[in-house]
Amino acid sequence: MRATVCLINEARNDHGLGDLRATGALEKAAVGHSRDMVRNDFFSHDSPTGSTPKQRIDRAGYFDGASSWSLGETIAWGSGGRATPSAIVRSWLASPPHRAILLDGRYKDLGVGIALGAPGSGDGGATFTGDFGARG
């Protein structure tokens, strides 16, 4: 997880943005979502039970005491050489909607969740979730 956070911060620094701070509540939400996607064989921001990123992040306690907030989420999975933090961050940066989240200057906090396995894949791999946030 640390490698993924470092690579995201490196990309942000390359674009004149500050580092994101790894935050336990966001990490808890991200890890839970990655594991859920692998365990229940789906690939989506919303779970088959209807859980949304906002609901997961709220349950993890990230919004506690906040008067305002913003959030974003990225998900990805890969197998073989495409399951490394470097490959996943490169794929997010190559995708305009994901790139916009990684390089959004509003975000100050980050939680990364990685689960072994990939939805619908019998050949192993890894599933990644990045939960980005800011609290006011």
N, C-alpha and C. Protein backbone atom coordinates (compact mmCIF):
# COMPACT_ATOMS: atom_id res chain seq x y z
N MET A 1 0.81 -1.18 0.00
CA MET A 1 0.00 0.00 0.00
C MET A 1 0.87 1.26 0.00
N ARG A 2 1.94 1.20 0.77
CA ARG A 2 2.82 2.37 0.83
C ARG A 2 3.40 2.73 -0.53
N ALA A 3 3.77 1.70 -1.30
CA ALA A 3 4.35 1.97 -2.62
C ALA A 3 3.34 2.71 -3.50
N THR A 4 2.08 2.31 -3.42
CA THR A 4 1.05 2.96 -4.23
C THR A 4 0.88 4.40 -3.81
N VAL A 5 0.84 4.66 -2.51
CA VAL A 5 0.74 6.03 -2.00
C VAL A 5 1.93 6.85 -2.48
N CYS A 6 3.13 6.30 -2.39
CA CYS A 6 4.34 7.01 -2.83
C CYS A 6 4.28 7.35 -4.32
N LEU A 7 3.83 6.40 -5.13
CA LEU A 7 3.76 6.64 -6.57
C LEU A 7 2.70 7.69 -6.92
N ILE A 8 1.59 7.68 -6.21
CA ILE A 8 0.56 8.71 -6.44
C ILE A 8 1.13 10.07 -6.04
N ASN A 9 1.80 10.13 -4.90
CA ASN A 9 2.38 11.41 -4.47
C ASN A 9 3.48 11.88 -5.42
N GLU A 10 4.23 10.96 -5.98
CA GLU A 10 5.24 11.34 -6.97
C GLU A 10 4.58 11.99 -8.18
N ALA A 11 3.50 11.41 -8.66
CA ALA A 11 2.78 11.98 -9.80
C ALA A 11 2.22 13.35 -9.45
N ARG A 12 1.69 13.48 -8.24
CA ARG A 12 1.16 14.78 -7.81
C ARG A 12 2.27 15.82 -7.74
N ASN A 13 3.43 15.44 -7.20
CA ASN A 13 4.56 16.35 -7.11
C ASN A 13 5.01 16.80 -8.50
N ASP A 14 4.99 15.88 -9.46
CA ASP A 14 5.36 16.21 -10.85
C ASP A 14 4.43 17.26 -11.45
N HIS A 15 3.25 17.41 -10.87
CA HIS A 15 2.26 18.38 -11.37
C HIS A 15 2.07 19.54 -10.40
N GLY A 16 3.04 19.73 -9.50
CA GLY A 16 3.02 20.87 -8.60
C GLY A 16 2.03 20.76 -7.46
N LEU A 17 1.58 19.55 -7.16
CA LEU A 17 0.62 19.33 -6.08
C LEU A 17 1.32 18.75 -4.86
N GLY A 18 0.76 18.99 -3.69
CA GLY A 18 1.32 18.47 -2.46
C GLY A 18 1.00 17.00 -2.27
N ASP A 19 1.73 16.40 -1.35
CA ASP A 19 1.51 14.99 -1.02
C ASP A 19 0.16 14.78 -0.35
N LEU A 20 -0.40 13.62 -0.59
CA LEU A 20 -1.58 13.17 0.14
C LEU A 20 -1.10 12.44 1.38
N ARG A 21 -1.83 12.59 2.46
CA ARG A 21 -1.49 11.94 3.73
C ARG A 21 -2.27 10.63 3.82
N ALA A 22 -1.56 9.54 4.08
CA ALA A 22 -2.22 8.25 4.29
C ALA A 22 -3.06 8.35 5.55
N THR A 23 -4.33 7.96 5.44
CA THR A 23 -5.29 8.11 6.53
C THR A 23 -5.93 6.77 6.83
N GLY A 24 -5.93 6.38 8.10
CA GLY A 24 -6.43 5.07 8.50
C GLY A 24 -7.87 4.81 8.12
N ALA A 25 -8.76 5.80 8.29
CA ALA A 25 -10.17 5.58 7.97
C ALA A 25 -10.35 5.33 6.47
N LEU A 26 -9.65 6.10 5.64
CA LEU A 26 -9.76 5.88 4.19
C LEU A 26 -9.15 4.54 3.80
N GLU A 27 -8.05 4.18 4.44
CA GLU A 27 -7.44 2.88 4.15
C GLU A 27 -8.39 1.74 4.53
N LYS A 28 -9.04 1.86 5.67
CA LYS A 28 -10.00 0.84 6.10
C LYS A 28 -11.11 0.67 5.07
N ALA A 29 -11.65 1.78 4.58
CA ALA A 29 -12.71 1.71 3.57
C ALA A 29 -12.19 1.10 2.26
N ALA A 30 -10.99 1.49 1.85
CA ALA A 30 -10.42 1.00 0.60
C ALA A 30 -10.09 -0.49 0.67
N VAL A 31 -9.48 -0.92 1.77
CA VAL A 31 -9.15 -2.35 1.93
C VAL A 31 -10.44 -3.17 1.91
N GLY A 32 -11.44 -2.71 2.64
CA GLY A 32 -12.71 -3.43 2.68
C GLY A 32 -13.34 -3.56 1.31
N HIS A 33 -13.26 -2.49 0.52
CA HIS A 33 -13.88 -2.55 -0.82
C HIS A 33 -13.11 -3.48 -1.74
N SER A 34 -11.79 -3.42 -1.71
CA SER A 34 -11.00 -4.33 -2.55
C SER A 34 -11.30 -5.78 -2.21
N ARG A 35 -11.32 -6.09 -0.91
CA ARG A 35 -11.62 -7.46 -0.49
C ARG A 35 -13.03 -7.87 -0.89
N ASP A 36 -13.98 -6.96 -0.76
CA ASP A 36 -15.37 -7.26 -1.14
C ASP A 36 -15.47 -7.57 -2.63
N MET A 37 -14.78 -6.79 -3.47
CA MET A 37 -14.83 -7.04 -4.91
C MET A 37 -14.28 -8.42 -5.26
N VAL A 38 -13.18 -8.81 -4.63
CA VAL A 38 -12.60 -10.12 -4.90
C VAL A 38 -13.51 -11.23 -4.38
N ARG A 39 -13.92 -11.10 -3.14
CA ARG A 39 -14.72 -12.14 -2.49
C ARG A 39 -16.07 -12.35 -3.18
N ASN A 40 -16.69 -11.26 -3.63
CA ASN A 40 -18.04 -11.35 -4.20
C ASN A 40 -18.07 -11.20 -5.71
N ASP A 41 -16.87 -11.25 -6.33
CA ASP A 41 -16.74 -11.32 -7.78
C ASP A 41 -17.50 -10.20 -8.52
N PHE A 42 -17.19 -8.94 -8.16
CA PHE A 42 -17.74 -7.81 -8.90
C PHE A 42 -16.65 -6.75 -9.03
N PHE A 43 -16.84 -5.84 -9.96
CA PHE A 43 -15.88 -4.76 -10.16
C PHE A 43 -16.67 -3.48 -10.41
N SER A 44 -16.86 -2.72 -9.35
CA SER A 44 -17.68 -1.51 -9.42
C SER A 44 -17.43 -0.68 -8.17
N HIS A 45 -17.71 0.61 -8.27
CA HIS A 45 -17.62 1.46 -7.09
C HIS A 45 -18.76 1.16 -6.12
N ASP A 46 -19.88 0.73 -6.64
CA ASP A 46 -21.02 0.36 -5.80
C ASP A 46 -21.09 -1.15 -5.69
N SER A 47 -21.28 -1.64 -4.47
CA SER A 47 -21.31 -3.09 -4.27
C SER A 47 -22.67 -3.65 -4.69
N PRO A 48 -22.75 -4.96 -4.91
CA PRO A 48 -24.04 -5.57 -5.25
C PRO A 48 -25.11 -5.35 -4.17
N THR A 49 -24.69 -5.09 -2.94
CA THR A 49 -25.66 -4.82 -1.87
C THR A 49 -26.06 -3.35 -1.84
N GLY A 50 -25.45 -2.53 -2.71
CA GLY A 50 -25.81 -1.12 -2.80
C GLY A 50 -24.91 -0.16 -2.05
N SER A 51 -23.87 -0.66 -1.40
CA SER A 51 -22.95 0.20 -0.66
C SER A 51 -22.17 1.09 -1.62
N THR A 52 -22.18 2.39 -1.35
CA THR A 52 -21.49 3.37 -2.19
C THR A 52 -20.16 3.78 -1.54
N PRO A 53 -19.27 4.42 -2.30
CA PRO A 53 -18.04 4.90 -1.67
C PRO A 53 -18.32 5.81 -0.47
N LYS A 54 -19.27 6.72 -0.59
CA LYS A 54 -19.58 7.62 0.52
C LYS A 54 -20.02 6.84 1.75
N GLN A 55 -20.85 5.84 1.57
CA GLN A 55 -21.32 5.05 2.71
C GLN A 55 -20.17 4.30 3.37
N ARG A 56 -19.29 3.69 2.57
CA ARG A 56 -18.17 2.94 3.13
C ARG A 56 -17.21 3.85 3.89
N ILE A 57 -16.94 5.01 3.31
CA ILE A 57 -16.01 5.95 3.93
C ILE A 57 -16.63 6.53 5.21
N ASP A 58 -17.91 6.78 5.19
CA ASP A 58 -18.61 7.26 6.38
C ASP A 58 -18.56 6.21 7.49
N ARG A 59 -18.85 4.94 7.15
CA ARG A 59 -18.80 3.86 8.15
C ARG A 59 -17.40 3.71 8.75
N ALA A 60 -16.38 4.01 7.97
CA ALA A 60 -15.00 3.91 8.47
C ALA A 60 -14.64 5.08 9.40
N GLY A 61 -15.51 6.08 9.49
CA GLY A 61 -15.30 7.19 10.41
C GLY A 61 -14.61 8.40 9.84
N TYR A 62 -14.36 8.44 8.55
CA TYR A 62 -13.61 9.55 7.97
C TYR A 62 -14.34 10.89 8.10
N PHE A 63 -15.66 10.88 8.03
CA PHE A 63 -16.41 12.13 8.07
C PHE A 63 -16.72 12.60 9.49
N ASP A 64 -16.37 11.81 10.50
CA ASP A 64 -16.69 12.17 11.89
C ASP A 64 -16.15 13.55 12.22
N GLY A 65 -17.04 14.43 12.66
CA GLY A 65 -16.66 15.77 13.07
C GLY A 65 -16.41 16.75 11.94
N ALA A 66 -16.56 16.32 10.70
CA ALA A 66 -16.30 17.20 9.56
C ALA A 66 -17.52 18.06 9.27
N SER A 67 -17.31 19.34 8.98
CA SER A 67 -18.40 20.21 8.58
C SER A 67 -18.56 20.23 7.07
N SER A 68 -17.51 19.86 6.36
CA SER A 68 -17.56 19.74 4.90
C SER A 68 -16.57 18.64 4.50
N TRP A 69 -16.75 18.12 3.30
CA TRP A 69 -15.87 17.06 2.84
C TRP A 69 -15.97 16.92 1.33
N SER A 70 -14.98 16.28 0.75
CA SER A 70 -15.04 15.86 -0.65
C SER A 70 -14.37 14.49 -0.73
N LEU A 71 -14.77 13.70 -1.72
CA LEU A 71 -14.18 12.37 -1.86
C LEU A 71 -14.15 11.95 -3.31
N GLY A 72 -13.25 11.03 -3.59
CA GLY A 72 -13.12 10.41 -4.90
C GLY A 72 -12.62 8.99 -4.70
N GLU A 73 -12.89 8.15 -5.69
CA GLU A 73 -12.45 6.76 -5.58
C GLU A 73 -11.98 6.26 -6.94
N THR A 74 -10.88 5.51 -6.90
CA THR A 74 -10.38 4.83 -8.09
C THR A 74 -10.31 3.34 -7.77
N ILE A 75 -10.61 2.51 -8.76
CA ILE A 75 -10.48 1.07 -8.61
C ILE A 75 -9.77 0.52 -9.83
N ALA A 76 -9.08 -0.58 -9.64
CA ALA A 76 -8.38 -1.24 -10.75
C ALA A 76 -8.02 -2.65 -10.30
N TRP A 77 -7.82 -3.51 -11.27
CA TRP A 77 -7.28 -4.84 -10.97
C TRP A 77 -6.35 -5.24 -12.11
N GLY A 78 -5.44 -6.12 -11.79
CA GLY A 78 -4.53 -6.61 -12.81
C GLY A 78 -3.98 -7.96 -12.39
N SER A 79 -3.38 -8.64 -13.35
CA SER A 79 -2.72 -9.91 -13.05
C SER A 79 -1.31 -9.86 -13.64
N GLY A 80 -0.45 -10.74 -13.15
CA GLY A 80 0.93 -10.75 -13.61
C GLY A 80 1.59 -9.40 -13.38
N GLY A 81 2.31 -8.92 -14.39
CA GLY A 81 2.99 -7.64 -14.31
C GLY A 81 2.06 -6.45 -14.23
N ARG A 82 0.79 -6.68 -14.49
CA ARG A 82 -0.18 -5.59 -14.41
C ARG A 82 -0.80 -5.46 -13.02
N ALA A 83 -0.32 -6.26 -12.07
CA ALA A 83 -0.86 -6.24 -10.71
C ALA A 83 0.08 -5.54 -9.73
N THR A 84 1.05 -4.79 -10.23
CA THR A 84 1.99 -4.10 -9.36
C THR A 84 1.50 -2.67 -9.08
N PRO A 85 1.91 -2.08 -7.96
CA PRO A 85 1.54 -0.69 -7.72
C PRO A 85 1.92 0.23 -8.88
N SER A 86 3.10 0.03 -9.43
CA SER A 86 3.55 0.87 -10.54
C SER A 86 2.62 0.75 -11.75
N ALA A 87 2.25 -0.47 -12.11
CA ALA A 87 1.36 -0.67 -13.27
C ALA A 87 -0.02 -0.09 -13.01
N ILE A 88 -0.52 -0.24 -11.80
CA ILE A 88 -1.86 0.28 -11.48
C ILE A 88 -1.86 1.80 -11.51
N VAL A 89 -0.87 2.44 -10.90
CA VAL A 89 -0.82 3.90 -10.91
C VAL A 89 -0.65 4.41 -12.33
N ARG A 90 0.17 3.75 -13.15
CA ARG A 90 0.31 4.15 -14.57
C ARG A 90 -1.04 4.05 -15.28
N SER A 91 -1.79 2.98 -15.01
CA SER A 91 -3.10 2.83 -15.68
C SER A 91 -4.07 3.91 -15.23
N TRP A 92 -4.06 4.25 -13.94
CA TRP A 92 -4.92 5.33 -13.47
C TRP A 92 -4.54 6.66 -14.13
N LEU A 93 -3.24 6.92 -14.25
CA LEU A 93 -2.81 8.18 -14.86
C LEU A 93 -3.11 8.23 -16.36
N ALA A 94 -3.21 7.09 -17.00
CA ALA A 94 -3.52 7.03 -18.43
C ALA A 94 -5.02 7.15 -18.71
N SER A 95 -5.83 7.05 -17.69
CA SER A 95 -7.29 7.13 -17.83
C SER A 95 -7.75 8.52 -17.37
N PRO A 96 -8.30 9.35 -18.28
CA PRO A 96 -8.66 10.72 -17.89
C PRO A 96 -9.52 10.84 -16.62
N PRO A 97 -10.56 10.02 -16.42
CA PRO A 97 -11.32 10.20 -15.17
C PRO A 97 -10.53 9.84 -13.92
N HIS A 98 -9.69 8.80 -14.01
CA HIS A 98 -8.88 8.42 -12.85
C HIS A 98 -7.77 9.45 -12.61
N ARG A 99 -7.16 9.90 -13.70
CA ARG A 99 -6.10 10.92 -13.60
C ARG A 99 -6.63 12.16 -12.91
N ALA A 100 -7.86 12.56 -13.25
CA ALA A 100 -8.46 13.74 -12.63
C ALA A 100 -8.57 13.59 -11.11
N ILE A 101 -8.88 12.39 -10.66
CA ILE A 101 -8.97 12.16 -9.21
C ILE A 101 -7.58 12.20 -8.58
N LEU A 102 -6.62 11.50 -9.16
CA LEU A 102 -5.26 11.47 -8.60
C LEU A 102 -4.65 12.86 -8.51
N LEU A 103 -4.96 13.70 -9.50
CA LEU A 103 -4.34 15.02 -9.57
C LEU A 103 -5.28 16.15 -9.15
N ASP A 104 -6.29 15.83 -8.38
CA ASP A 104 -7.23 16.83 -7.89
C ASP A 104 -6.63 17.50 -6.64
N GLY A 105 -6.39 18.79 -6.74
CA GLY A 105 -5.76 19.53 -5.65
C GLY A 105 -6.62 19.67 -4.40
N ARG A 106 -7.91 19.39 -4.50
CA ARG A 106 -8.77 19.46 -3.30
C ARG A 106 -8.44 18.37 -2.30
N TYR A 107 -7.99 17.22 -2.78
CA TYR A 107 -7.78 16.08 -1.89
C TYR A 107 -6.51 16.26 -1.07
N LYS A 108 -6.61 15.90 0.20
CA LYS A 108 -5.48 15.99 1.14
C LYS A 108 -5.13 14.63 1.73
N ASP A 109 -6.08 13.69 1.71
CA ASP A 109 -5.92 12.40 2.36
C ASP A 109 -6.13 11.27 1.37
N LEU A 110 -5.55 10.11 1.69
CA LEU A 110 -5.63 8.96 0.79
C LEU A 110 -5.59 7.68 1.60
N GLY A 111 -6.38 6.72 1.17
CA GLY A 111 -6.30 5.36 1.69
C GLY A 111 -6.25 4.41 0.52
N VAL A 112 -5.32 3.49 0.53
CA VAL A 112 -5.19 2.51 -0.55
C VAL A 112 -5.46 1.13 0.03
N GLY A 113 -6.29 0.37 -0.68
CA GLY A 113 -6.57 -1.00 -0.29
C GLY A 113 -6.20 -1.94 -1.41
N ILE A 114 -5.49 -3.00 -1.09
CA ILE A 114 -5.07 -4.00 -2.07
C ILE A 114 -5.50 -5.37 -1.56
N ALA A 115 -6.19 -6.11 -2.40
CA ALA A 115 -6.59 -7.47 -2.05
C ALA A 115 -6.02 -8.42 -3.09
N LEU A 116 -5.50 -9.55 -2.63
CA LEU A 116 -5.01 -10.56 -3.56
C LEU A 116 -6.19 -11.19 -4.27
N GLY A 117 -6.05 -11.33 -5.58
CA GLY A 117 -7.11 -11.88 -6.41
C GLY A 117 -7.75 -10.79 -7.23
N ALA A 118 -8.50 -11.20 -8.23
CA ALA A 118 -9.17 -10.26 -9.10
C ALA A 118 -10.57 -10.77 -9.41
N PRO A 119 -11.52 -9.87 -9.48
CA PRO A 119 -12.89 -10.29 -9.79
C PRO A 119 -12.95 -11.08 -11.10
N GLY A 120 -13.55 -12.25 -11.06
CA GLY A 120 -13.75 -13.04 -12.27
C GLY A 120 -12.50 -13.67 -12.86
N SER A 121 -11.40 -13.61 -12.12
CA SER A 121 -10.15 -14.11 -12.67
C SER A 121 -9.65 -15.29 -11.83
N GLY A 122 -9.41 -16.39 -12.48
CA GLY A 122 -8.89 -17.54 -11.78
C GLY A 122 -7.38 -17.57 -11.71
N ASP A 123 -6.72 -16.58 -12.29
CA ASP A 123 -5.26 -16.62 -12.36
C ASP A 123 -4.58 -15.70 -11.36
N GLY A 124 -5.23 -15.43 -10.25
CA GLY A 124 -4.60 -14.59 -9.23
C GLY A 124 -4.76 -13.13 -9.54
N GLY A 125 -3.73 -12.38 -9.32
CA GLY A 125 -3.78 -10.95 -9.55
C GLY A 125 -4.00 -10.19 -8.26
N ALA A 126 -4.33 -8.92 -8.41
CA ALA A 126 -4.58 -8.05 -7.27
C ALA A 126 -5.61 -7.00 -7.66
N THR A 127 -6.40 -6.61 -6.68
CA THR A 127 -7.44 -5.60 -6.86
C THR A 127 -7.12 -4.42 -5.96
N PHE A 128 -7.14 -3.21 -6.54
CA PHE A 128 -6.75 -1.99 -5.85
C PHE A 128 -7.93 -1.03 -5.75
N THR A 129 -8.04 -0.38 -4.61
CA THR A 129 -8.97 0.73 -4.42
C THR A 129 -8.18 1.91 -3.84
N GLY A 130 -8.40 3.08 -4.39
CA GLY A 130 -7.84 4.30 -3.83
C GLY A 130 -9.00 5.18 -3.40
N ASP A 131 -9.07 5.52 -2.11
CA ASP A 131 -10.09 6.44 -1.60
C ASP A 131 -9.40 7.76 -1.24
N PHE A 132 -9.86 8.84 -1.86
CA PHE A 132 -9.28 10.16 -1.73
C PHE A 132 -10.26 11.06 -1.00
N GLY A 133 -9.76 11.92 -0.13
CA GLY A 133 -10.68 12.79 0.58
C GLY A 133 -10.07 14.06 1.10
N ALA A 134 -10.96 14.93 1.51
CA ALA A 134 -10.60 16.16 2.21
C ALA A 134 -11.73 16.46 3.17
N ARG A 135 -11.37 16.96 4.34
CA ARG A 135 -12.35 17.30 5.37
C ARG A 135 -12.16 18.75 5.79
N GLY A 136 -13.27 19.39 6.07
CA GLY A 136 -13.20 20.76 6.56
C GLY A 136 -13.87 20.86 7.90
